[in-house]
Amino acid sequence: MPRILLLVAALFAASPMLYASEAAAQCAPGDLIKTLGNARATSVIAPSGGRKSVVVRKTITLGNFANSFALRNALDAAGCGVGDLAQEIIAHPAFTLAPTRTVVDLVAVPAAEFGLTAESAALGDIYSRAEKLGLSLAPAEVGPELRLQYLDQPIGEFLHIGMKPITTWNGDPVIFVVANGGAGLILIGQHTSADTQIPTSQVFLFVRPPDTRELAKVRAPAR
């Protein structure tokens, strides 16, 4: 089967809500190996808290680039793919960068961990549950910066950035997704709104304020 067909199949198997046009921008496997130095790098995002479901943490630095053009060039230099929607919102005036270097702690949690028992839930409901646990929405800059600072992402992992959606020129609200669909590392965009139904198996990244460092020990509220 041609490589592009394998790539699209891998992406849709991992996240059926993603678009084929976004998948087509993924890095080739050779680019991934060249960037990492080896094909089996150890992940720098590690599980924590001892819970059966996935709760992971990562610290990244924002404010590393003077403007979005420099950020986009860095993604190219790292060999990371950037989908059409992601490119559009990076270029949008609503996408801003931290004026100084800022360290942020991230928590990655499946939406189901917030006490959502149905197979899907509205994006607004997921955000509301996260905020009740003391988490904050991430700056949009977290998407591309995480892509740059997470070059050993496991194959098949899709991390949805819990951020305020940025509206494209066509008026569609979009959030970032940091992914490795099997053919390389990529930053893509996903159409979303407050009412969009999201599978509760999908993993979201939120910012962990300093006073919630023991978040993994907090039980999610009942639905």
N, C-alpha and C. Protein backbone atom coordinates (compact mmCIF):
# COMPACT_ATOMS: atom_id res chain seq x y z
N MET A 1 0.86 -1.20 0.00
CA MET A 1 0.00 0.00 0.00
C MET A 1 0.89 1.24 0.00
N PRO A 2 0.59 2.28 -0.79
CA PRO A 2 1.40 3.49 -0.79
C PRO A 2 1.49 4.10 0.59
N ARG A 3 2.64 4.80 0.86
CA ARG A 3 2.88 5.36 2.19
C ARG A 3 1.77 6.30 2.64
N ILE A 4 1.26 7.14 1.74
CA ILE A 4 0.25 8.13 2.15
C ILE A 4 -1.03 7.46 2.62
N LEU A 5 -1.37 6.30 2.01
CA LEU A 5 -2.57 5.58 2.44
C LEU A 5 -2.36 4.96 3.81
N LEU A 6 -1.15 4.43 4.06
CA LEU A 6 -0.86 3.90 5.38
C LEU A 6 -0.93 4.98 6.44
N LEU A 7 -0.44 6.16 6.10
CA LEU A 7 -0.44 7.28 7.03
C LEU A 7 -1.85 7.70 7.39
N VAL A 8 -2.71 7.87 6.39
CA VAL A 8 -4.09 8.28 6.65
C VAL A 8 -4.81 7.23 7.49
N ALA A 9 -4.55 5.95 7.18
CA ALA A 9 -5.20 4.88 7.94
C ALA A 9 -4.78 4.92 9.39
N ALA A 10 -3.48 5.17 9.64
CA ALA A 10 -3.01 5.22 11.02
C ALA A 10 -3.63 6.37 11.79
N LEU A 11 -3.74 7.50 11.16
CA LEU A 11 -4.32 8.66 11.83
C LEU A 11 -5.78 8.45 12.17
N PHE A 12 -6.54 7.94 11.24
CA PHE A 12 -7.97 7.77 11.50
C PHE A 12 -8.22 6.65 12.50
N ALA A 13 -7.34 5.66 12.55
CA ALA A 13 -7.50 4.62 13.56
C ALA A 13 -7.29 5.17 14.95
N ALA A 14 -6.36 6.12 15.08
CA ALA A 14 -6.05 6.68 16.40
C ALA A 14 -7.02 7.76 16.82
N SER A 15 -7.54 8.52 15.86
CA SER A 15 -8.44 9.61 16.21
C SER A 15 -9.37 9.90 15.04
N PRO A 16 -10.55 9.33 15.00
CA PRO A 16 -11.43 9.41 13.85
C PRO A 16 -11.91 10.82 13.56
N MET A 17 -11.75 11.78 14.46
CA MET A 17 -12.25 13.11 14.21
C MET A 17 -11.25 13.96 13.44
N LEU A 18 -10.02 13.45 13.18
CA LEU A 18 -9.02 14.22 12.49
C LEU A 18 -9.23 14.14 10.99
N TYR A 19 -8.76 15.17 10.27
CA TYR A 19 -8.98 15.27 8.85
C TYR A 19 -7.79 14.71 8.08
N ALA A 20 -8.09 14.10 6.92
CA ALA A 20 -7.03 13.54 6.09
C ALA A 20 -6.08 14.63 5.61
N SER A 21 -6.57 15.82 5.35
CA SER A 21 -5.71 16.91 4.89
C SER A 21 -4.68 17.27 5.94
N GLU A 22 -5.03 17.14 7.23
CA GLU A 22 -4.07 17.39 8.29
C GLU A 22 -3.06 16.25 8.36
N ALA A 23 -3.52 15.03 8.18
CA ALA A 23 -2.65 13.88 8.29
C ALA A 23 -1.57 13.90 7.22
N ALA A 24 -1.86 14.43 6.05
CA ALA A 24 -0.92 14.41 4.95
C ALA A 24 0.33 15.22 5.22
N ALA A 25 0.34 16.04 6.26
CA ALA A 25 1.49 16.90 6.54
C ALA A 25 2.48 16.24 7.48
N GLN A 26 2.28 14.99 7.88
CA GLN A 26 3.17 14.37 8.85
C GLN A 26 4.56 14.19 8.29
N CYS A 27 5.55 14.18 9.25
CA CYS A 27 6.94 13.94 8.87
C CYS A 27 7.10 12.51 8.37
N ALA A 28 8.05 12.30 7.48
CA ALA A 28 8.38 10.96 7.05
C ALA A 28 9.17 10.27 8.15
N PRO A 29 9.12 8.91 8.22
CA PRO A 29 9.84 8.20 9.27
C PRO A 29 11.32 8.55 9.30
N GLY A 30 11.94 8.71 8.15
CA GLY A 30 13.35 9.06 8.10
C GLY A 30 13.64 10.37 8.78
N ASP A 31 12.76 11.35 8.62
CA ASP A 31 12.94 12.63 9.27
C ASP A 31 12.88 12.48 10.78
N LEU A 32 11.97 11.63 11.27
CA LEU A 32 11.82 11.42 12.70
C LEU A 32 13.09 10.83 13.28
N ILE A 33 13.64 9.81 12.64
CA ILE A 33 14.85 9.16 13.14
C ILE A 33 16.01 10.14 13.12
N LYS A 34 16.12 10.95 12.08
CA LYS A 34 17.21 11.93 11.99
C LYS A 34 17.10 12.95 13.11
N THR A 35 15.89 13.37 13.43
CA THR A 35 15.70 14.38 14.48
C THR A 35 16.03 13.83 15.86
N LEU A 36 15.60 12.59 16.14
CA LEU A 36 15.77 12.02 17.47
C LEU A 36 17.17 11.44 17.68
N GLY A 37 17.81 11.00 16.60
CA GLY A 37 19.08 10.32 16.73
C GLY A 37 18.90 8.82 16.84
N ASN A 38 17.74 8.37 17.30
CA ASN A 38 17.41 6.94 17.29
C ASN A 38 15.90 6.82 17.32
N ALA A 39 15.41 5.64 16.94
CA ALA A 39 13.97 5.47 16.75
C ALA A 39 13.24 5.08 18.02
N ARG A 40 14.00 4.85 19.12
CA ARG A 40 13.35 4.37 20.34
C ARG A 40 13.75 5.23 21.54
N ALA A 41 13.67 6.54 21.35
CA ALA A 41 14.00 7.45 22.45
C ALA A 41 13.01 7.28 23.59
N THR A 42 13.48 7.46 24.83
CA THR A 42 12.62 7.34 25.99
C THR A 42 11.77 8.59 26.15
N SER A 43 10.51 8.42 26.41
CA SER A 43 9.61 9.57 26.55
C SER A 43 9.98 10.41 27.76
N VAL A 44 9.90 11.73 27.59
CA VAL A 44 10.15 12.63 28.72
C VAL A 44 8.86 12.97 29.44
N ILE A 45 7.73 12.47 28.95
CA ILE A 45 6.47 12.57 29.69
C ILE A 45 6.29 11.25 30.42
N ALA A 46 6.21 11.29 31.74
CA ALA A 46 6.17 10.05 32.53
C ALA A 46 4.91 9.98 33.36
N PRO A 47 4.31 8.76 33.50
CA PRO A 47 3.11 8.62 34.34
C PRO A 47 3.42 8.98 35.79
N SER A 48 2.38 9.42 36.50
CA SER A 48 2.55 9.75 37.91
C SER A 48 1.26 9.49 38.66
N GLY A 49 1.36 9.39 39.97
CA GLY A 49 0.18 9.33 40.81
C GLY A 49 -0.31 7.94 41.14
N GLY A 50 0.15 6.90 40.41
CA GLY A 50 -0.24 5.54 40.74
C GLY A 50 -1.67 5.19 40.36
N ARG A 51 -2.31 5.98 39.50
CA ARG A 51 -3.68 5.66 39.12
C ARG A 51 -3.68 4.70 37.95
N LYS A 52 -4.75 3.93 37.82
CA LYS A 52 -4.82 2.96 36.74
C LYS A 52 -4.93 3.65 35.39
N SER A 53 -5.67 4.74 35.30
CA SER A 53 -5.80 5.45 34.04
C SER A 53 -4.63 6.42 33.89
N VAL A 54 -4.48 6.94 32.68
CA VAL A 54 -3.29 7.72 32.36
C VAL A 54 -3.39 9.13 32.93
N VAL A 55 -2.46 9.49 33.78
CA VAL A 55 -2.29 10.87 34.25
C VAL A 55 -0.80 11.17 34.09
N VAL A 56 -0.44 12.10 33.23
CA VAL A 56 0.96 12.36 32.96
C VAL A 56 1.28 13.83 33.13
N ARG A 57 2.54 14.12 33.35
CA ARG A 57 2.98 15.49 33.59
C ARG A 57 4.16 15.83 32.70
N LYS A 58 4.28 17.09 32.36
CA LYS A 58 5.45 17.57 31.62
C LYS A 58 5.60 19.06 31.87
N THR A 59 6.84 19.51 31.98
CA THR A 59 7.14 20.92 32.13
C THR A 59 7.80 21.42 30.86
N ILE A 60 7.28 22.51 30.30
CA ILE A 60 7.88 23.09 29.10
C ILE A 60 8.10 24.58 29.32
N THR A 61 8.86 25.18 28.43
CA THR A 61 9.15 26.61 28.50
C THR A 61 8.50 27.32 27.33
N LEU A 62 7.79 28.40 27.62
CA LEU A 62 7.19 29.25 26.59
C LEU A 62 8.04 30.51 26.44
N GLY A 63 7.75 31.29 25.41
CA GLY A 63 8.45 32.55 25.20
C GLY A 63 9.84 32.41 24.62
N ASN A 64 10.07 31.34 23.86
CA ASN A 64 11.38 31.10 23.27
C ASN A 64 11.58 31.79 21.93
N PHE A 65 10.51 32.36 21.35
CA PHE A 65 10.60 32.92 20.02
C PHE A 65 10.03 34.34 20.00
N ALA A 66 10.62 35.17 19.16
CA ALA A 66 10.22 36.57 19.10
C ALA A 66 8.89 36.74 18.39
N ASN A 67 8.57 35.85 17.46
CA ASN A 67 7.33 35.96 16.69
C ASN A 67 6.95 34.59 16.14
N SER A 68 5.75 34.53 15.56
CA SER A 68 5.24 33.24 15.05
C SER A 68 6.03 32.74 13.85
N PHE A 69 6.67 33.64 13.10
CA PHE A 69 7.47 33.21 11.96
C PHE A 69 8.68 32.41 12.44
N ALA A 70 9.34 32.90 13.49
CA ALA A 70 10.49 32.19 14.05
C ALA A 70 10.07 30.83 14.61
N LEU A 71 8.91 30.79 15.23
CA LEU A 71 8.38 29.55 15.78
C LEU A 71 8.11 28.55 14.66
N ARG A 72 7.49 29.03 13.59
CA ARG A 72 7.19 28.14 12.45
C ARG A 72 8.47 27.62 11.81
N ASN A 73 9.49 28.47 11.71
CA ASN A 73 10.77 28.04 11.14
C ASN A 73 11.42 26.97 12.01
N ALA A 74 11.27 27.10 13.32
CA ALA A 74 11.84 26.11 14.23
C ALA A 74 11.17 24.75 14.06
N LEU A 75 9.87 24.75 13.84
CA LEU A 75 9.16 23.50 13.59
C LEU A 75 9.67 22.84 12.31
N ASP A 76 9.90 23.65 11.29
CA ASP A 76 10.44 23.12 10.04
C ASP A 76 11.83 22.54 10.24
N ALA A 77 12.67 23.28 10.97
CA ALA A 77 14.05 22.84 11.20
C ALA A 77 14.10 21.55 11.99
N ALA A 78 13.13 21.34 12.90
CA ALA A 78 13.09 20.12 13.70
C ALA A 78 12.52 18.94 12.94
N GLY A 79 12.02 19.17 11.73
CA GLY A 79 11.43 18.10 10.94
C GLY A 79 10.04 17.71 11.37
N CYS A 80 9.36 18.61 12.09
CA CYS A 80 8.00 18.32 12.55
C CYS A 80 6.98 18.79 11.52
N GLY A 81 6.00 17.96 11.23
CA GLY A 81 4.95 18.34 10.32
C GLY A 81 3.98 19.31 10.97
N VAL A 82 3.41 20.18 10.18
CA VAL A 82 2.39 21.12 10.66
C VAL A 82 1.23 21.08 9.67
N GLY A 83 0.06 20.68 10.14
CA GLY A 83 -1.12 20.58 9.29
C GLY A 83 -1.64 21.94 8.86
N ASP A 84 -2.52 21.93 7.88
CA ASP A 84 -3.05 23.18 7.32
C ASP A 84 -3.76 24.03 8.37
N LEU A 85 -4.61 23.40 9.19
CA LEU A 85 -5.33 24.16 10.21
C LEU A 85 -4.38 24.73 11.25
N ALA A 86 -3.38 23.95 11.65
CA ALA A 86 -2.41 24.43 12.61
C ALA A 86 -1.62 25.61 12.06
N GLN A 87 -1.23 25.53 10.80
CA GLN A 87 -0.52 26.64 10.18
C GLN A 87 -1.38 27.90 10.18
N GLU A 88 -2.66 27.72 9.90
CA GLU A 88 -3.55 28.88 9.81
C GLU A 88 -3.71 29.57 11.16
N ILE A 89 -3.85 28.81 12.23
CA ILE A 89 -4.06 29.48 13.51
C ILE A 89 -2.75 30.03 14.09
N ILE A 90 -1.60 29.43 13.74
CA ILE A 90 -0.33 30.02 14.15
C ILE A 90 -0.16 31.39 13.51
N ALA A 91 -0.65 31.53 12.26
CA ALA A 91 -0.52 32.79 11.55
C ALA A 91 -1.60 33.80 11.93
N HIS A 92 -2.58 33.39 12.73
CA HIS A 92 -3.70 34.27 13.07
C HIS A 92 -3.27 35.27 14.15
N PRO A 93 -3.77 36.51 14.10
CA PRO A 93 -3.42 37.50 15.13
C PRO A 93 -3.80 37.07 16.54
N ALA A 94 -4.80 36.20 16.68
CA ALA A 94 -5.21 35.74 18.01
C ALA A 94 -4.18 34.81 18.64
N PHE A 95 -3.27 34.29 17.83
CA PHE A 95 -2.21 33.43 18.36
C PHE A 95 -1.07 34.32 18.85
N THR A 96 -0.79 34.27 20.14
CA THR A 96 0.23 35.13 20.72
C THR A 96 1.29 34.30 21.44
N LEU A 97 2.45 34.91 21.65
CA LEU A 97 3.57 34.26 22.33
C LEU A 97 3.86 34.98 23.64
N ALA A 98 4.35 34.24 24.61
CA ALA A 98 4.72 34.84 25.89
C ALA A 98 5.86 35.84 25.66
N PRO A 99 5.78 37.03 26.24
CA PRO A 99 6.82 38.04 26.01
C PRO A 99 8.15 37.71 26.66
N THR A 100 8.15 36.86 27.68
CA THR A 100 9.38 36.43 28.34
C THR A 100 9.31 34.92 28.53
N ARG A 101 10.44 34.32 28.78
CA ARG A 101 10.46 32.88 28.98
C ARG A 101 9.70 32.51 30.25
N THR A 102 8.77 31.60 30.10
CA THR A 102 7.88 31.21 31.18
C THR A 102 7.79 29.69 31.25
N VAL A 103 8.00 29.14 32.43
CA VAL A 103 7.90 27.70 32.63
C VAL A 103 6.47 27.35 33.03
N VAL A 104 5.89 26.35 32.36
CA VAL A 104 4.54 25.92 32.69
C VAL A 104 4.53 24.41 32.91
N ASP A 105 3.76 23.98 33.90
CA ASP A 105 3.54 22.56 34.16
C ASP A 105 2.26 22.12 33.47
N LEU A 106 2.35 21.00 32.78
CA LEU A 106 1.19 20.48 32.05
C LEU A 106 0.75 19.15 32.65
N VAL A 107 -0.55 18.94 32.66
CA VAL A 107 -1.13 17.66 33.08
C VAL A 107 -1.93 17.13 31.90
N ALA A 108 -1.69 15.88 31.55
CA ALA A 108 -2.42 15.24 30.46
C ALA A 108 -3.37 14.20 31.05
N VAL A 109 -4.65 14.35 30.78
CA VAL A 109 -5.67 13.50 31.40
C VAL A 109 -6.72 13.10 30.37
N PRO A 110 -7.08 11.82 30.28
CA PRO A 110 -8.22 11.44 29.45
C PRO A 110 -9.48 12.12 29.96
N ALA A 111 -10.33 12.58 29.07
CA ALA A 111 -11.54 13.29 29.47
C ALA A 111 -12.38 12.46 30.45
N ALA A 112 -12.33 11.14 30.32
CA ALA A 112 -13.11 10.28 31.21
C ALA A 112 -12.69 10.42 32.66
N GLU A 113 -11.44 10.88 32.92
CA GLU A 113 -10.96 11.04 34.29
C GLU A 113 -11.70 12.14 35.04
N PHE A 114 -12.43 12.98 34.34
CA PHE A 114 -13.14 14.07 34.98
C PHE A 114 -14.53 13.66 35.43
N GLY A 115 -14.79 12.37 35.51
CA GLY A 115 -16.08 11.89 35.96
C GLY A 115 -17.12 11.83 34.86
N LEU A 116 -16.70 11.91 33.61
CA LEU A 116 -17.62 11.85 32.47
C LEU A 116 -17.76 10.39 32.06
N THR A 117 -18.95 9.83 32.28
CA THR A 117 -19.14 8.40 32.09
C THR A 117 -19.63 8.02 30.70
N ALA A 118 -20.14 8.97 29.93
CA ALA A 118 -20.61 8.67 28.58
C ALA A 118 -19.43 8.50 27.63
N GLU A 119 -19.69 7.97 26.45
CA GLU A 119 -18.63 7.76 25.47
C GLU A 119 -18.12 9.07 24.90
N SER A 120 -18.92 10.12 24.97
CA SER A 120 -18.50 11.42 24.48
C SER A 120 -19.08 12.50 25.39
N ALA A 121 -18.47 13.68 25.31
CA ALA A 121 -18.93 14.81 26.12
C ALA A 121 -18.63 16.10 25.37
N ALA A 122 -19.40 17.15 25.66
CA ALA A 122 -19.17 18.44 25.03
C ALA A 122 -17.83 19.00 25.49
N LEU A 123 -17.13 19.65 24.57
CA LEU A 123 -15.84 20.24 24.91
C LEU A 123 -15.98 21.20 26.10
N GLY A 124 -17.04 22.00 26.12
CA GLY A 124 -17.25 22.94 27.21
C GLY A 124 -17.38 22.24 28.55
N ASP A 125 -18.00 21.07 28.55
CA ASP A 125 -18.16 20.30 29.79
C ASP A 125 -16.82 19.77 30.26
N ILE A 126 -15.99 19.31 29.32
CA ILE A 126 -14.65 18.82 29.67
C ILE A 126 -13.83 19.94 30.30
N TYR A 127 -13.87 21.11 29.67
CA TYR A 127 -13.14 22.25 30.20
C TYR A 127 -13.63 22.63 31.59
N SER A 128 -14.94 22.61 31.79
CA SER A 128 -15.52 22.98 33.07
C SER A 128 -15.07 22.01 34.16
N ARG A 129 -15.06 20.71 33.85
CA ARG A 129 -14.63 19.72 34.84
C ARG A 129 -13.16 19.89 35.19
N ALA A 130 -12.34 20.21 34.18
CA ALA A 130 -10.91 20.42 34.42
C ALA A 130 -10.70 21.61 35.36
N GLU A 131 -11.44 22.68 35.11
CA GLU A 131 -11.30 23.89 35.93
C GLU A 131 -11.72 23.63 37.38
N LYS A 132 -12.71 22.75 37.59
CA LYS A 132 -13.14 22.42 38.94
C LYS A 132 -12.04 21.69 39.71
N LEU A 133 -11.14 21.04 39.01
CA LEU A 133 -10.02 20.36 39.65
C LEU A 133 -8.81 21.29 39.79
N GLY A 134 -8.98 22.56 39.47
CA GLY A 134 -7.89 23.51 39.63
C GLY A 134 -6.99 23.67 38.44
N LEU A 135 -7.35 23.06 37.30
CA LEU A 135 -6.56 23.19 36.09
C LEU A 135 -6.97 24.43 35.31
N SER A 136 -6.05 24.93 34.52
CA SER A 136 -6.32 26.11 33.69
C SER A 136 -6.18 25.76 32.22
N LEU A 137 -6.89 26.50 31.38
CA LEU A 137 -6.69 26.34 29.94
C LEU A 137 -5.27 26.75 29.59
N ALA A 138 -4.71 26.07 28.62
CA ALA A 138 -3.33 26.34 28.21
C ALA A 138 -3.29 27.49 27.22
N PRO A 139 -2.24 28.31 27.25
CA PRO A 139 -2.05 29.27 26.17
C PRO A 139 -1.90 28.51 24.85
N ALA A 140 -2.33 29.10 23.77
CA ALA A 140 -2.23 28.42 22.47
C ALA A 140 -0.79 28.07 22.13
N GLU A 141 0.15 28.85 22.62
CA GLU A 141 1.57 28.62 22.36
C GLU A 141 2.03 27.24 22.83
N VAL A 142 1.32 26.66 23.79
CA VAL A 142 1.68 25.34 24.31
C VAL A 142 1.70 24.30 23.18
N GLY A 143 0.78 24.41 22.23
CA GLY A 143 0.72 23.43 21.14
C GLY A 143 2.02 23.31 20.38
N PRO A 144 2.46 24.36 19.68
CA PRO A 144 3.71 24.25 18.92
C PRO A 144 4.94 24.08 19.80
N GLU A 145 4.95 24.68 20.99
CA GLU A 145 6.12 24.52 21.85
C GLU A 145 6.22 23.07 22.36
N LEU A 146 5.09 22.47 22.70
CA LEU A 146 5.14 21.07 23.11
C LEU A 146 5.62 20.19 21.97
N ARG A 147 5.18 20.49 20.75
CA ARG A 147 5.64 19.72 19.60
C ARG A 147 7.16 19.77 19.49
N LEU A 148 7.74 20.95 19.71
CA LEU A 148 9.19 21.11 19.63
C LEU A 148 9.91 20.44 20.79
N GLN A 149 9.30 20.42 21.96
CA GLN A 149 9.97 19.93 23.17
C GLN A 149 9.59 18.50 23.53
N TYR A 150 8.89 17.82 22.62
CA TYR A 150 8.46 16.45 22.87
C TYR A 150 8.72 15.61 21.62
N LEU A 151 10.01 15.50 21.28
CA LEU A 151 10.40 14.83 20.05
C LEU A 151 10.42 13.31 20.16
N ASP A 152 10.21 12.78 21.38
CA ASP A 152 10.17 11.32 21.54
C ASP A 152 8.76 10.84 21.84
N GLN A 153 7.77 11.51 21.31
CA GLN A 153 6.38 11.12 21.54
C GLN A 153 6.12 9.72 21.01
N PRO A 154 5.46 8.86 21.79
CA PRO A 154 5.18 7.50 21.33
C PRO A 154 4.24 7.48 20.14
N ILE A 155 4.43 6.51 19.28
CA ILE A 155 3.54 6.33 18.13
C ILE A 155 2.13 6.05 18.61
N GLY A 156 1.16 6.69 17.99
CA GLY A 156 -0.24 6.49 18.31
C GLY A 156 -0.78 7.41 19.37
N GLU A 157 0.06 8.29 19.92
CA GLU A 157 -0.40 9.22 20.96
C GLU A 157 -0.88 10.53 20.34
N PHE A 158 -2.08 10.97 20.76
CA PHE A 158 -2.66 12.23 20.31
C PHE A 158 -3.02 13.04 21.56
N LEU A 159 -2.38 14.19 21.74
CA LEU A 159 -2.62 15.05 22.90
C LEU A 159 -3.34 16.30 22.45
N HIS A 160 -4.58 16.47 22.93
CA HIS A 160 -5.39 17.63 22.57
C HIS A 160 -5.11 18.76 23.56
N ILE A 161 -4.75 19.91 23.05
CA ILE A 161 -4.42 21.04 23.93
C ILE A 161 -5.71 21.66 24.44
N GLY A 162 -5.86 21.67 25.77
CA GLY A 162 -7.04 22.31 26.37
C GLY A 162 -6.85 23.82 26.33
N MET A 163 -7.28 24.44 25.28
CA MET A 163 -7.04 25.86 25.02
C MET A 163 -8.32 26.53 24.52
N LYS A 164 -8.36 27.83 24.60
CA LYS A 164 -9.45 28.56 23.98
C LYS A 164 -9.29 28.42 22.47
N PRO A 165 -10.30 27.91 21.77
CA PRO A 165 -10.15 27.74 20.31
C PRO A 165 -9.84 29.05 19.61
N ILE A 166 -9.04 28.97 18.58
CA ILE A 166 -8.76 30.12 17.72
C ILE A 166 -9.56 29.95 16.45
N THR A 167 -10.21 31.01 16.04
CA THR A 167 -11.08 30.95 14.86
C THR A 167 -10.28 31.14 13.58
N THR A 168 -10.49 30.24 12.63
CA THR A 168 -9.81 30.36 11.35
C THR A 168 -10.44 31.48 10.53
N TRP A 169 -9.82 31.75 9.37
CA TRP A 169 -10.34 32.81 8.50
C TRP A 169 -11.74 32.47 8.00
N ASN A 170 -12.09 31.19 8.00
CA ASN A 170 -13.43 30.77 7.58
C ASN A 170 -14.42 30.78 8.74
N GLY A 171 -13.96 31.16 9.93
CA GLY A 171 -14.86 31.24 11.07
C GLY A 171 -14.99 29.96 11.86
N ASP A 172 -14.11 28.99 11.64
CA ASP A 172 -14.18 27.71 12.35
C ASP A 172 -13.26 27.73 13.57
N PRO A 173 -13.77 27.42 14.77
CA PRO A 173 -12.92 27.34 15.96
C PRO A 173 -12.05 26.09 15.92
N VAL A 174 -10.78 26.24 16.26
CA VAL A 174 -9.81 25.14 16.14
C VAL A 174 -8.92 25.11 17.37
N ILE A 175 -8.57 23.90 17.82
CA ILE A 175 -7.56 23.72 18.87
C ILE A 175 -6.41 22.90 18.29
N PHE A 176 -5.25 22.95 18.96
CA PHE A 176 -4.09 22.18 18.53
C PHE A 176 -4.18 20.74 19.03
N VAL A 177 -3.58 19.84 18.25
CA VAL A 177 -3.37 18.45 18.66
C VAL A 177 -1.92 18.11 18.36
N VAL A 178 -1.19 17.64 19.38
CA VAL A 178 0.20 17.22 19.23
C VAL A 178 0.18 15.71 19.06
N ALA A 179 0.67 15.21 17.93
CA ALA A 179 0.43 13.81 17.61
C ALA A 179 1.62 13.14 16.95
N ASN A 180 1.62 11.81 17.08
CA ASN A 180 2.52 10.94 16.33
C ASN A 180 1.67 9.80 15.82
N GLY A 181 1.22 9.91 14.57
CA GLY A 181 0.32 8.91 14.01
C GLY A 181 1.01 7.71 13.42
N GLY A 182 2.34 7.62 13.54
CA GLY A 182 3.04 6.45 13.04
C GLY A 182 4.05 6.77 11.96
N ALA A 183 3.87 7.89 11.26
CA ALA A 183 4.79 8.27 10.19
C ALA A 183 5.64 9.46 10.58
N GLY A 184 5.51 9.94 11.79
CA GLY A 184 6.32 11.06 12.22
C GLY A 184 5.59 11.98 13.16
N LEU A 185 6.28 13.01 13.60
CA LEU A 185 5.74 13.97 14.55
C LEU A 185 5.00 15.07 13.82
N ILE A 186 3.88 15.51 14.39
CA ILE A 186 3.06 16.50 13.70
C ILE A 186 2.29 17.35 14.70
N LEU A 187 2.02 18.57 14.31
CA LEU A 187 1.11 19.46 15.02
C LEU A 187 -0.05 19.71 14.09
N ILE A 188 -1.25 19.38 14.51
CA ILE A 188 -2.42 19.54 13.66
C ILE A 188 -3.48 20.36 14.39
N GLY A 189 -4.51 20.73 13.67
CA GLY A 189 -5.63 21.43 14.24
C GLY A 189 -6.88 20.58 14.16
N GLN A 190 -7.77 20.75 15.13
CA GLN A 190 -9.05 20.03 15.14
C GLN A 190 -10.18 21.02 15.32
N HIS A 191 -11.19 20.92 14.46
CA HIS A 191 -12.37 21.77 14.57
C HIS A 191 -13.10 21.46 15.88
N THR A 192 -13.36 22.48 16.67
CA THR A 192 -14.07 22.29 17.92
C THR A 192 -14.87 23.54 18.25
N SER A 193 -15.87 23.37 19.09
CA SER A 193 -16.60 24.49 19.70
C SER A 193 -17.05 23.99 21.06
N ALA A 194 -17.66 24.86 21.85
CA ALA A 194 -18.08 24.45 23.19
C ALA A 194 -19.04 23.27 23.15
N ASP A 195 -19.81 23.15 22.07
CA ASP A 195 -20.81 22.08 21.97
C ASP A 195 -20.30 20.84 21.26
N THR A 196 -19.10 20.88 20.72
CA THR A 196 -18.55 19.74 20.00
C THR A 196 -18.44 18.53 20.91
N GLN A 197 -18.96 17.40 20.46
CA GLN A 197 -18.87 16.16 21.23
C GLN A 197 -17.51 15.51 21.01
N ILE A 198 -16.81 15.27 22.10
CA ILE A 198 -15.46 14.71 22.05
C ILE A 198 -15.48 13.34 22.73
N PRO A 199 -14.89 12.30 22.12
CA PRO A 199 -14.78 11.02 22.81
C PRO A 199 -14.06 11.19 24.14
N THR A 200 -14.60 10.64 25.20
CA THR A 200 -13.99 10.81 26.52
C THR A 200 -12.71 10.02 26.69
N SER A 201 -12.37 9.20 25.70
CA SER A 201 -11.08 8.50 25.72
C SER A 201 -9.94 9.41 25.28
N GLN A 202 -10.25 10.53 24.65
CA GLN A 202 -9.20 11.41 24.16
C GLN A 202 -8.50 12.12 25.32
N VAL A 203 -7.21 12.33 25.16
CA VAL A 203 -6.39 12.92 26.21
C VAL A 203 -6.21 14.41 25.97
N PHE A 204 -6.45 15.20 27.03
CA PHE A 204 -6.31 16.65 26.97
C PHE A 204 -5.17 17.11 27.86
N LEU A 205 -4.51 18.18 27.43
CA LEU A 205 -3.45 18.81 28.22
C LEU A 205 -3.95 20.12 28.79
N PHE A 206 -3.78 20.29 30.10
CA PHE A 206 -4.12 21.54 30.76
C PHE A 206 -2.92 22.03 31.56
N VAL A 207 -2.95 23.29 31.93
CA VAL A 207 -1.89 23.86 32.75
C VAL A 207 -2.19 23.60 34.21
N ARG A 208 -1.18 23.20 34.94
CA ARG A 208 -1.31 22.94 36.37
C ARG A 208 -0.70 24.12 37.13
N PRO A 209 -1.52 24.93 37.77
CA PRO A 209 -0.98 26.03 38.58
C PRO A 209 -0.13 25.49 39.71
N PRO A 210 0.74 26.32 40.30
CA PRO A 210 1.64 25.85 41.36
C PRO A 210 0.93 25.25 42.56
N ASP A 211 -0.30 25.69 42.85
CA ASP A 211 -0.99 25.20 44.04
C ASP A 211 -1.73 23.90 43.81
N THR A 212 -1.57 23.27 42.64
CA THR A 212 -2.24 21.99 42.38
C THR A 212 -1.24 20.93 41.96
N ARG A 213 -0.06 20.94 42.55
CA ARG A 213 0.97 19.97 42.16
C ARG A 213 0.62 18.55 42.58
N GLU A 214 -0.32 18.40 43.49
CA GLU A 214 -0.73 17.06 43.89
C GLU A 214 -2.05 16.69 43.23
N LEU A 215 -2.28 17.25 42.04
CA LEU A 215 -3.55 17.02 41.34
C LEU A 215 -3.85 15.54 41.13
N ALA A 216 -2.82 14.73 40.87
CA ALA A 216 -3.04 13.32 40.57
C ALA A 216 -3.69 12.59 41.73
N LYS A 217 -3.61 13.16 42.94
CA LYS A 217 -4.21 12.52 44.10
C LYS A 217 -5.64 12.95 44.35
N VAL A 218 -6.13 13.91 43.57
CA VAL A 218 -7.48 14.43 43.75
C VAL A 218 -8.46 13.60 42.94
N ARG A 219 -9.53 13.20 43.55
CA ARG A 219 -10.53 12.41 42.84
C ARG A 219 -11.40 13.32 41.99
N ALA A 220 -11.74 12.84 40.80
CA ALA A 220 -12.61 13.62 39.92
C ALA A 220 -14.00 13.68 40.52
N PRO A 221 -14.73 14.80 40.34
CA PRO A 221 -16.08 14.91 40.88
C PRO A 221 -17.04 13.98 40.17
N ALA A 222 -18.07 13.51 40.87
CA ALA A 222 -19.08 12.65 40.26
C ALA A 222 -19.88 13.45 39.27
N ARG A 223 -20.37 12.76 38.23
CA ARG A 223 -21.15 13.44 37.20
C ARG A 223 -22.51 13.83 37.75
